[in-house]
C-alpha cells in the first residue's frame, strides 16, 4: 500500500503529539501539551501534513522554516522538510517508503526548489534513509543542543527536478 500525505487535522495532531520515543530518540518527543501542539501545527505557514498508510497515521511532515534548526545556513531557494514517524514504526525498514512519499509530495506541491532536510549527526538511521533517497550532505554545523550524543547537525539536499524516489 502506498503512503498518502493529507493536511493535518486537529485530531491527527493530538494523536502524534502524544507519541513517545525510546531513548535516545526521546529527544524527538513533542514536549508541548496536545492543545499547544494543535495551536502550533495547525498554522498554515507550518504546512503540516500527516502520512497515512491505509487507515493508519504513520507520521507527520512539515515544510518550510519549521524544519530548520537554529544555526544552520538555509540561504538560497529551498524547501526544508521535517519528518516524524510513529515510534512503533521506526527501525522496521520502511523509512524509504515514508521519505519517498514526502519527497514526491514536496516535488508536486512546491515550485521547483531544492529540497533540504536537517538531521542530527548522531541519527544514523535518518542519515541512511535520506541519503538512500538521493539527498547529499551540503553542510554541517554545531548547536548548543545535543541530540543522540552529538551537537552537530547535517543539512542534506536534493534537487527536486532530479528526485528519483525509491
N, C-alpha and C. Protein backbone atom coordinates (compact mmCIF):
# COMPACT_ATOMS: atom_id res chain seq x y z
N UNK A 1 0.84 -1.17 0.00
CA UNK A 1 0.00 0.00 0.00
C UNK A 1 0.89 1.24 0.00
N UNK A 2 0.48 2.28 -0.71
CA UNK A 2 1.29 3.49 -0.79
C UNK A 2 0.97 4.44 0.36
N UNK A 3 1.91 5.30 0.64
CA UNK A 3 1.78 6.30 1.70
C UNK A 3 1.15 7.54 1.08
N UNK A 4 0.15 8.08 1.75
CA UNK A 4 -0.55 9.28 1.27
C UNK A 4 -0.36 10.40 2.29
N UNK A 5 -0.09 11.62 1.80
CA UNK A 5 0.00 12.79 2.68
C UNK A 5 -1.29 13.57 2.60
N UNK A 6 -1.78 13.95 3.78
CA UNK A 6 -3.00 14.76 3.88
C UNK A 6 -2.73 15.92 4.84
N UNK A 7 -3.38 17.07 4.59
CA UNK A 7 -3.22 18.17 5.55
C UNK A 7 -3.60 17.70 6.96
N UNK A 8 -2.81 18.11 7.93
CA UNK A 8 -3.04 17.67 9.31
C UNK A 8 -4.34 18.25 9.85
N UNK A 9 -5.07 17.44 10.57
CA UNK A 9 -6.29 17.87 11.26
C UNK A 9 -5.99 17.97 12.75
N UNK A 10 -6.89 18.60 13.48
CA UNK A 10 -6.72 18.69 14.93
C UNK A 10 -6.61 17.30 15.55
N UNK A 11 -7.46 16.38 15.14
CA UNK A 11 -7.43 15.02 15.70
C UNK A 11 -6.09 14.33 15.42
N UNK A 12 -5.57 14.49 14.22
CA UNK A 12 -4.30 13.87 13.86
C UNK A 12 -3.16 14.47 14.67
N UNK A 13 -3.17 15.78 14.84
CA UNK A 13 -2.12 16.44 15.62
C UNK A 13 -2.16 15.96 17.06
N UNK A 14 -3.35 15.87 17.64
CA UNK A 14 -3.47 15.37 19.02
C UNK A 14 -2.88 13.96 19.13
N UNK A 15 -3.04 13.20 18.09
CA UNK A 15 -2.53 11.83 18.10
C UNK A 15 -1.00 11.81 18.08
N UNK A 16 -0.40 12.51 17.11
CA UNK A 16 1.07 12.42 17.03
C UNK A 16 1.75 13.22 18.13
N UNK A 17 1.06 14.18 18.73
CA UNK A 17 1.66 14.95 19.83
C UNK A 17 1.92 14.09 21.06
N UNK A 18 1.27 12.94 21.15
CA UNK A 18 1.45 12.05 22.32
C UNK A 18 2.45 10.93 22.06
N UNK A 19 2.98 10.84 20.85
CA UNK A 19 3.97 9.79 20.58
C UNK A 19 5.18 9.98 21.48
N UNK A 20 5.69 8.87 22.01
CA UNK A 20 6.87 8.91 22.86
C UNK A 20 7.89 7.90 22.34
N UNK A 21 9.10 8.37 22.14
CA UNK A 21 10.18 7.56 21.60
C UNK A 21 11.03 6.99 22.73
N UNK A 22 11.61 5.83 22.50
CA UNK A 22 12.55 5.22 23.43
C UNK A 22 13.87 6.00 23.36
N UNK A 23 14.56 6.11 24.50
CA UNK A 23 15.89 6.75 24.46
C UNK A 23 16.80 5.99 23.51
N UNK A 24 17.66 6.65 22.80
CA UNK A 24 17.98 8.07 22.87
C UNK A 24 17.11 8.93 21.94
N UNK A 25 16.15 8.31 21.25
CA UNK A 25 15.31 9.05 20.30
C UNK A 25 14.24 9.90 20.98
N UNK A 26 14.15 9.83 22.30
CA UNK A 26 13.17 10.64 23.02
C UNK A 26 13.43 12.14 22.89
N UNK A 27 14.59 12.50 22.35
CA UNK A 27 14.87 13.91 22.05
C UNK A 27 13.87 14.45 21.02
N UNK A 28 13.20 13.56 20.30
CA UNK A 28 12.23 13.96 19.28
C UNK A 28 10.80 14.02 19.80
N UNK A 29 10.58 13.73 21.07
CA UNK A 29 9.23 13.84 21.64
C UNK A 29 8.74 15.28 21.55
N UNK A 30 7.47 15.45 21.27
CA UNK A 30 6.86 16.78 21.33
C UNK A 30 6.54 17.03 22.80
N UNK A 31 7.14 18.07 23.37
CA UNK A 31 7.00 18.30 24.80
C UNK A 31 5.82 19.22 25.14
N UNK A 32 5.29 19.92 24.16
CA UNK A 32 4.14 20.77 24.41
C UNK A 32 2.90 19.92 24.67
N UNK A 33 1.92 20.51 25.33
CA UNK A 33 0.65 19.83 25.56
C UNK A 33 -0.04 19.60 24.21
N UNK A 34 -0.97 18.65 24.14
CA UNK A 34 -1.70 18.47 22.88
C UNK A 34 -2.38 19.76 22.40
N UNK A 35 -2.93 20.55 23.31
CA UNK A 35 -3.56 21.81 22.90
C UNK A 35 -2.53 22.77 22.29
N UNK A 36 -1.36 22.85 22.90
CA UNK A 36 -0.30 23.71 22.37
C UNK A 36 0.19 23.18 21.02
N UNK A 37 0.30 21.87 20.91
CA UNK A 37 0.73 21.27 19.64
C UNK A 37 -0.28 21.57 18.53
N UNK A 38 -1.56 21.46 18.82
CA UNK A 38 -2.58 21.77 17.82
C UNK A 38 -2.46 23.23 17.40
N UNK A 39 -2.36 24.14 18.38
CA UNK A 39 -2.26 25.57 18.06
C UNK A 39 -1.07 25.85 17.16
N UNK A 40 0.03 25.12 17.35
CA UNK A 40 1.22 25.33 16.54
C UNK A 40 1.10 24.68 15.17
N UNK A 41 0.87 23.37 15.13
CA UNK A 41 0.93 22.63 13.86
C UNK A 41 -0.24 22.95 12.92
N UNK A 42 -1.33 23.49 13.42
CA UNK A 42 -2.48 23.79 12.56
C UNK A 42 -2.28 25.09 11.78
N UNK A 43 -1.27 25.89 12.15
CA UNK A 43 -0.99 27.15 11.46
C UNK A 43 -0.63 26.87 9.99
N UNK A 44 -1.24 27.59 9.05
CA UNK A 44 -0.97 27.34 7.63
C UNK A 44 0.51 27.43 7.25
N UNK A 45 1.26 28.34 7.87
CA UNK A 45 2.67 28.51 7.50
C UNK A 45 3.54 27.33 7.95
N UNK A 46 3.05 26.48 8.82
CA UNK A 46 3.81 25.29 9.24
C UNK A 46 3.71 24.20 8.18
N UNK A 47 2.64 24.24 7.40
CA UNK A 47 2.43 23.27 6.31
C UNK A 47 2.55 21.84 6.81
N UNK A 48 1.82 21.53 7.87
CA UNK A 48 1.89 20.20 8.46
C UNK A 48 0.94 19.24 7.75
N UNK A 49 1.47 18.08 7.42
CA UNK A 49 0.70 17.02 6.79
C UNK A 49 0.92 15.73 7.57
N UNK A 50 -0.07 14.86 7.54
CA UNK A 50 0.10 13.55 8.14
C UNK A 50 0.31 12.53 7.03
N UNK A 51 1.08 11.50 7.37
CA UNK A 51 1.35 10.40 6.45
C UNK A 51 0.41 9.26 6.82
N UNK A 52 -0.31 8.78 5.85
CA UNK A 52 -1.28 7.70 6.06
C UNK A 52 -0.86 6.47 5.29
N UNK A 53 -0.91 5.32 5.95
CA UNK A 53 -0.71 4.02 5.32
C UNK A 53 -2.05 3.31 5.48
N UNK A 54 -2.89 3.40 4.46
CA UNK A 54 -4.25 2.90 4.59
C UNK A 54 -5.01 3.78 5.56
N UNK A 55 -5.53 3.18 6.63
CA UNK A 55 -6.30 3.94 7.62
C UNK A 55 -5.47 4.32 8.84
N UNK A 56 -4.17 4.11 8.79
CA UNK A 56 -3.30 4.40 9.93
C UNK A 56 -2.42 5.62 9.69
N UNK A 57 -2.34 6.49 10.69
CA UNK A 57 -1.38 7.59 10.65
C UNK A 57 -0.03 7.01 11.03
N UNK A 58 0.94 7.15 10.14
CA UNK A 58 2.27 6.60 10.40
C UNK A 58 3.32 7.68 10.63
N UNK A 59 2.96 8.93 10.37
CA UNK A 59 3.92 10.01 10.56
C UNK A 59 3.32 11.36 10.26
N UNK A 60 4.15 12.36 10.37
CA UNK A 60 3.77 13.71 10.00
C UNK A 60 4.98 14.41 9.40
N UNK A 61 4.71 15.41 8.57
CA UNK A 61 5.78 16.17 7.92
C UNK A 61 5.42 17.64 7.94
N UNK A 62 6.45 18.47 8.05
CA UNK A 62 6.27 19.91 7.91
C UNK A 62 7.19 20.37 6.78
N UNK A 63 6.81 21.49 6.19
CA UNK A 63 7.56 22.01 5.05
C UNK A 63 7.79 23.51 5.26
N UNK A 64 9.06 23.90 5.33
CA UNK A 64 9.38 25.31 5.49
C UNK A 64 10.25 25.54 6.71
N UNK A 65 10.15 26.75 7.26
CA UNK A 65 11.02 27.17 8.35
C UNK A 65 10.92 26.28 9.58
N UNK A 66 9.77 25.66 9.82
CA UNK A 66 9.62 24.79 10.98
C UNK A 66 10.67 23.69 10.99
N UNK A 67 11.12 23.27 9.82
CA UNK A 67 12.07 22.16 9.71
C UNK A 67 13.53 22.61 9.81
N UNK A 68 13.76 23.88 10.02
CA UNK A 68 15.13 24.40 10.14
C UNK A 68 15.59 24.36 11.59
N UNK A 69 16.87 24.07 11.78
CA UNK A 69 17.48 24.06 13.11
C UNK A 69 18.30 25.34 13.25
N UNK A 70 18.08 26.10 14.33
CA UNK A 70 18.85 27.32 14.52
C UNK A 70 20.35 27.07 14.42
N UNK A 71 21.02 27.92 13.63
CA UNK A 71 22.46 27.82 13.44
C UNK A 71 22.86 27.32 12.06
N UNK A 72 21.90 26.75 11.34
CA UNK A 72 22.20 26.25 10.00
C UNK A 72 22.12 27.34 8.96
N UNK A 73 22.78 27.13 7.83
CA UNK A 73 22.74 28.08 6.72
C UNK A 73 21.66 27.63 5.75
N UNK A 74 20.55 28.34 5.76
CA UNK A 74 19.42 28.00 4.90
C UNK A 74 19.23 29.06 3.81
N UNK A 75 20.31 29.71 3.44
CA UNK A 75 20.23 30.71 2.38
C UNK A 75 19.97 30.01 1.06
N UNK A 76 19.48 30.75 0.12
CA UNK A 76 19.17 30.17 -1.18
C UNK A 76 17.76 29.62 -1.20
N UNK A 77 17.28 29.35 -2.41
CA UNK A 77 15.95 28.79 -2.55
C UNK A 77 15.96 27.33 -2.14
N UNK A 78 14.98 26.96 -1.40
CA UNK A 78 14.86 25.57 -0.98
C UNK A 78 13.67 25.42 -0.08
N UNK A 79 13.17 24.22 -0.01
CA UNK A 79 12.08 23.91 0.92
C UNK A 79 12.63 22.89 1.92
N UNK A 80 12.49 23.23 3.18
CA UNK A 80 13.00 22.37 4.24
C UNK A 80 11.91 21.41 4.69
N UNK A 81 12.31 20.18 4.93
CA UNK A 81 11.38 19.11 5.29
C UNK A 81 11.68 18.63 6.69
N UNK A 82 10.64 18.56 7.51
CA UNK A 82 10.72 17.93 8.82
C UNK A 82 9.86 16.68 8.79
N UNK A 83 10.31 15.62 9.41
CA UNK A 83 9.58 14.35 9.35
C UNK A 83 9.62 13.67 10.71
N UNK A 84 8.45 13.26 11.18
CA UNK A 84 8.33 12.47 12.40
C UNK A 84 7.55 11.20 12.09
N UNK A 85 8.06 10.07 12.54
CA UNK A 85 7.42 8.78 12.28
C UNK A 85 6.94 8.20 13.59
N UNK A 86 5.79 7.54 13.56
CA UNK A 86 5.25 6.86 14.74
C UNK A 86 6.35 5.99 15.34
N UNK A 87 6.65 6.16 16.63
CA UNK A 87 7.76 5.40 17.22
C UNK A 87 7.58 3.88 17.13
N UNK A 88 6.36 3.41 17.02
CA UNK A 88 6.13 1.97 16.86
C UNK A 88 6.50 1.49 15.46
N UNK A 89 6.77 2.42 14.55
CA UNK A 89 7.07 2.07 13.16
C UNK A 89 8.50 2.41 12.75
N UNK A 90 9.29 2.93 13.69
CA UNK A 90 10.67 3.28 13.34
C UNK A 90 11.57 2.05 13.44
N UNK A 91 12.62 2.05 12.65
CA UNK A 91 13.60 0.97 12.70
C UNK A 91 13.13 -0.34 12.09
N UNK A 92 12.04 -0.30 11.31
CA UNK A 92 11.48 -1.53 10.73
C UNK A 92 11.76 -1.68 9.24
N UNK A 93 12.54 -0.74 8.68
CA UNK A 93 12.89 -0.84 7.26
C UNK A 93 11.92 -0.17 6.32
N UNK A 94 11.00 0.64 6.84
CA UNK A 94 10.03 1.33 5.98
C UNK A 94 10.35 2.79 5.75
N UNK A 95 11.48 3.25 6.28
CA UNK A 95 11.83 4.66 6.14
C UNK A 95 11.87 5.13 4.71
N UNK A 96 12.34 4.27 3.80
CA UNK A 96 12.41 4.66 2.39
C UNK A 96 11.03 4.95 1.83
N UNK A 97 10.00 4.22 2.27
CA UNK A 97 8.62 4.46 1.80
C UNK A 97 8.12 5.82 2.28
N UNK A 98 8.41 6.14 3.54
CA UNK A 98 7.95 7.41 4.10
C UNK A 98 8.65 8.58 3.42
N UNK A 99 9.96 8.48 3.28
CA UNK A 99 10.72 9.56 2.65
C UNK A 99 10.30 9.72 1.18
N UNK A 100 10.11 8.62 0.47
CA UNK A 100 9.70 8.70 -0.94
C UNK A 100 8.37 9.43 -1.07
N UNK A 101 7.43 9.16 -0.17
CA UNK A 101 6.12 9.83 -0.22
C UNK A 101 6.26 11.33 0.06
N UNK A 102 7.08 11.67 1.03
CA UNK A 102 7.29 13.08 1.39
C UNK A 102 7.98 13.82 0.26
N UNK A 103 8.99 13.22 -0.33
CA UNK A 103 9.71 13.84 -1.45
C UNK A 103 8.77 14.01 -2.65
N UNK A 104 7.97 13.01 -2.95
CA UNK A 104 7.02 13.12 -4.06
C UNK A 104 6.02 14.23 -3.81
N UNK A 105 5.53 14.33 -2.59
CA UNK A 105 4.58 15.40 -2.23
C UNK A 105 5.24 16.77 -2.38
N UNK A 106 6.45 16.92 -1.85
CA UNK A 106 7.15 18.21 -1.94
C UNK A 106 7.40 18.58 -3.39
N UNK A 107 7.83 17.62 -4.20
CA UNK A 107 8.09 17.90 -5.62
C UNK A 107 6.84 18.31 -6.38
N UNK A 108 5.69 17.73 -6.00
CA UNK A 108 4.43 18.05 -6.68
C UNK A 108 3.78 19.32 -6.15
N UNK A 109 4.12 19.71 -4.92
CA UNK A 109 3.44 20.83 -4.27
C UNK A 109 4.15 22.16 -4.44
N UNK A 110 5.46 22.15 -4.41
CA UNK A 110 6.22 23.38 -4.42
C UNK A 110 6.88 23.58 -5.77
N UNK A 111 6.97 24.85 -6.19
CA UNK A 111 7.70 25.17 -7.41
C UNK A 111 9.07 24.53 -7.32
N UNK A 112 9.67 24.27 -8.47
CA UNK A 112 11.00 23.64 -8.46
C UNK A 112 11.91 24.34 -7.46
N UNK A 113 12.25 23.61 -6.47
CA UNK A 113 13.18 24.10 -5.46
C UNK A 113 14.04 22.93 -5.01
N UNK A 114 15.16 23.28 -4.48
CA UNK A 114 15.98 22.28 -3.82
C UNK A 114 15.21 21.83 -2.57
N UNK A 115 15.23 20.54 -2.30
CA UNK A 115 14.64 20.01 -1.08
C UNK A 115 15.78 19.82 -0.08
N UNK A 116 15.52 20.21 1.18
CA UNK A 116 16.54 20.08 2.21
C UNK A 116 15.96 19.40 3.44
N UNK A 117 16.82 18.69 4.13
CA UNK A 117 16.46 18.10 5.41
C UNK A 117 17.66 18.28 6.34
N UNK A 118 17.37 18.58 7.59
CA UNK A 118 18.42 18.73 8.59
C UNK A 118 18.29 17.58 9.58
N UNK A 119 19.39 16.87 9.77
CA UNK A 119 19.37 15.65 10.59
C UNK A 119 20.47 15.75 11.64
N UNK A 120 20.16 15.32 12.86
CA UNK A 120 21.18 15.24 13.90
C UNK A 120 22.26 14.27 13.42
N UNK A 121 23.52 14.68 13.54
CA UNK A 121 24.63 13.86 13.04
C UNK A 121 24.67 12.48 13.70
N UNK A 122 24.14 12.36 14.90
CA UNK A 122 24.11 11.08 15.59
C UNK A 122 22.97 10.17 15.18
N UNK A 123 22.08 10.65 14.31
CA UNK A 123 20.93 9.85 13.90
C UNK A 123 21.29 9.07 12.63
N UNK A 124 22.02 8.00 12.81
CA UNK A 124 22.50 7.20 11.67
C UNK A 124 21.34 6.64 10.84
N UNK A 125 20.25 6.25 11.48
CA UNK A 125 19.11 5.70 10.73
C UNK A 125 18.56 6.74 9.75
N UNK A 126 18.34 7.96 10.24
CA UNK A 126 17.79 9.00 9.38
C UNK A 126 18.76 9.38 8.27
N UNK A 127 20.04 9.50 8.60
CA UNK A 127 21.03 9.84 7.58
C UNK A 127 21.06 8.77 6.49
N UNK A 128 20.97 7.52 6.87
CA UNK A 128 20.96 6.41 5.92
C UNK A 128 19.76 6.48 4.98
N UNK A 129 18.58 6.73 5.55
CA UNK A 129 17.36 6.76 4.74
C UNK A 129 17.35 7.94 3.79
N UNK A 130 17.66 9.14 4.28
CA UNK A 130 17.66 10.32 3.41
C UNK A 130 18.74 10.21 2.33
N UNK A 131 19.91 9.71 2.68
CA UNK A 131 20.97 9.52 1.68
C UNK A 131 20.53 8.50 0.63
N UNK A 132 19.85 7.46 1.06
CA UNK A 132 19.35 6.46 0.13
C UNK A 132 18.32 7.01 -0.84
N UNK A 133 17.67 8.12 -0.47
CA UNK A 133 16.69 8.77 -1.34
C UNK A 133 17.35 9.78 -2.27
N UNK A 134 18.67 9.86 -2.24
CA UNK A 134 19.38 10.74 -3.15
C UNK A 134 19.82 12.06 -2.54
N UNK A 135 19.54 12.29 -1.27
CA UNK A 135 19.97 13.52 -0.62
C UNK A 135 21.47 13.42 -0.32
N UNK A 136 22.17 14.53 -0.51
CA UNK A 136 23.61 14.57 -0.28
C UNK A 136 23.93 15.69 0.72
N UNK A 137 24.92 15.45 1.54
CA UNK A 137 25.33 16.43 2.53
C UNK A 137 25.83 17.70 1.85
N UNK A 138 25.30 18.84 2.31
CA UNK A 138 25.76 20.13 1.79
C UNK A 138 26.47 20.95 2.86
N UNK A 139 26.16 20.70 4.14
CA UNK A 139 26.87 21.41 5.20
C UNK A 139 26.63 20.74 6.55
N UNK A 140 27.47 21.13 7.50
CA UNK A 140 27.35 20.69 8.89
C UNK A 140 27.50 21.92 9.77
N UNK A 141 26.87 21.87 10.94
CA UNK A 141 27.02 22.96 11.89
C UNK A 141 26.77 22.43 13.29
N UNK A 142 27.29 23.16 14.27
CA UNK A 142 27.13 22.79 15.67
C UNK A 142 26.12 23.73 16.33
N UNK A 143 25.42 23.20 17.32
CA UNK A 143 24.48 24.00 18.11
C UNK A 143 24.75 23.75 19.59
N UNK A 144 24.00 24.42 20.42
CA UNK A 144 24.14 24.21 21.86
C UNK A 144 23.32 23.00 22.32
N UNK A 145 22.52 22.44 21.42
CA UNK A 145 21.66 21.30 21.77
C UNK A 145 22.32 19.99 21.36
N UNK A 146 22.35 19.03 22.27
CA UNK A 146 22.91 17.71 21.97
C UNK A 146 21.78 16.72 21.75
N UNK A 147 21.80 16.06 20.60
CA UNK A 147 20.82 15.03 20.26
C UNK A 147 21.58 13.79 19.83
N UNK A 148 21.23 12.67 20.40
CA UNK A 148 21.86 11.39 20.07
C UNK A 148 23.37 11.46 20.20
N UNK A 149 23.82 12.12 21.25
CA UNK A 149 25.24 12.15 21.57
C UNK A 149 26.08 13.15 20.81
N UNK A 150 25.45 14.03 20.03
CA UNK A 150 26.22 14.99 19.25
C UNK A 150 25.49 16.33 19.22
N UNK A 151 26.27 17.39 19.17
CA UNK A 151 25.67 18.72 19.00
C UNK A 151 25.78 19.18 17.54
N UNK A 152 26.14 18.25 16.65
CA UNK A 152 26.32 18.56 15.24
C UNK A 152 25.09 18.15 14.44
N UNK A 153 24.76 18.97 13.46
CA UNK A 153 23.65 18.68 12.55
C UNK A 153 24.17 18.69 11.11
N UNK A 154 23.51 17.93 10.27
CA UNK A 154 23.87 17.80 8.86
C UNK A 154 22.70 18.29 8.02
N UNK A 155 22.98 19.16 7.06
CA UNK A 155 21.97 19.56 6.08
C UNK A 155 22.23 18.75 4.82
N UNK A 156 21.21 18.04 4.38
CA UNK A 156 21.29 17.26 3.14
C UNK A 156 20.31 17.87 2.15
N UNK A 157 20.66 17.83 0.86
CA UNK A 157 19.84 18.46 -0.17
C UNK A 157 19.62 17.54 -1.35
N UNK A 158 18.53 17.83 -2.06
CA UNK A 158 18.17 17.10 -3.27
C UNK A 158 17.51 18.09 -4.21
N UNK A 159 17.92 18.09 -5.47
CA UNK A 159 17.27 18.92 -6.47
C UNK A 159 15.96 18.24 -6.83
N UNK A 160 14.82 18.90 -6.59
CA UNK A 160 13.52 18.25 -6.76
C UNK A 160 13.24 17.85 -8.20
N UNK A 161 13.87 18.51 -9.18
CA UNK A 161 13.67 18.11 -10.58
C UNK A 161 14.35 16.79 -10.87
N UNK A 162 15.40 16.49 -10.10
CA UNK A 162 16.15 15.26 -10.31
C UNK A 162 15.84 14.21 -9.27
N UNK A 163 14.76 14.44 -8.50
CA UNK A 163 14.40 13.48 -7.45
C UNK A 163 13.96 12.16 -8.08
N UNK A 164 14.72 11.16 -7.78
CA UNK A 164 14.40 9.80 -8.24
C UNK A 164 14.01 9.01 -7.01
N UNK A 165 12.75 9.10 -6.63
CA UNK A 165 12.31 8.49 -5.38
C UNK A 165 12.29 6.97 -5.52
N UNK A 166 12.75 6.32 -4.47
CA UNK A 166 12.80 4.84 -4.50
C UNK A 166 11.43 4.23 -4.52
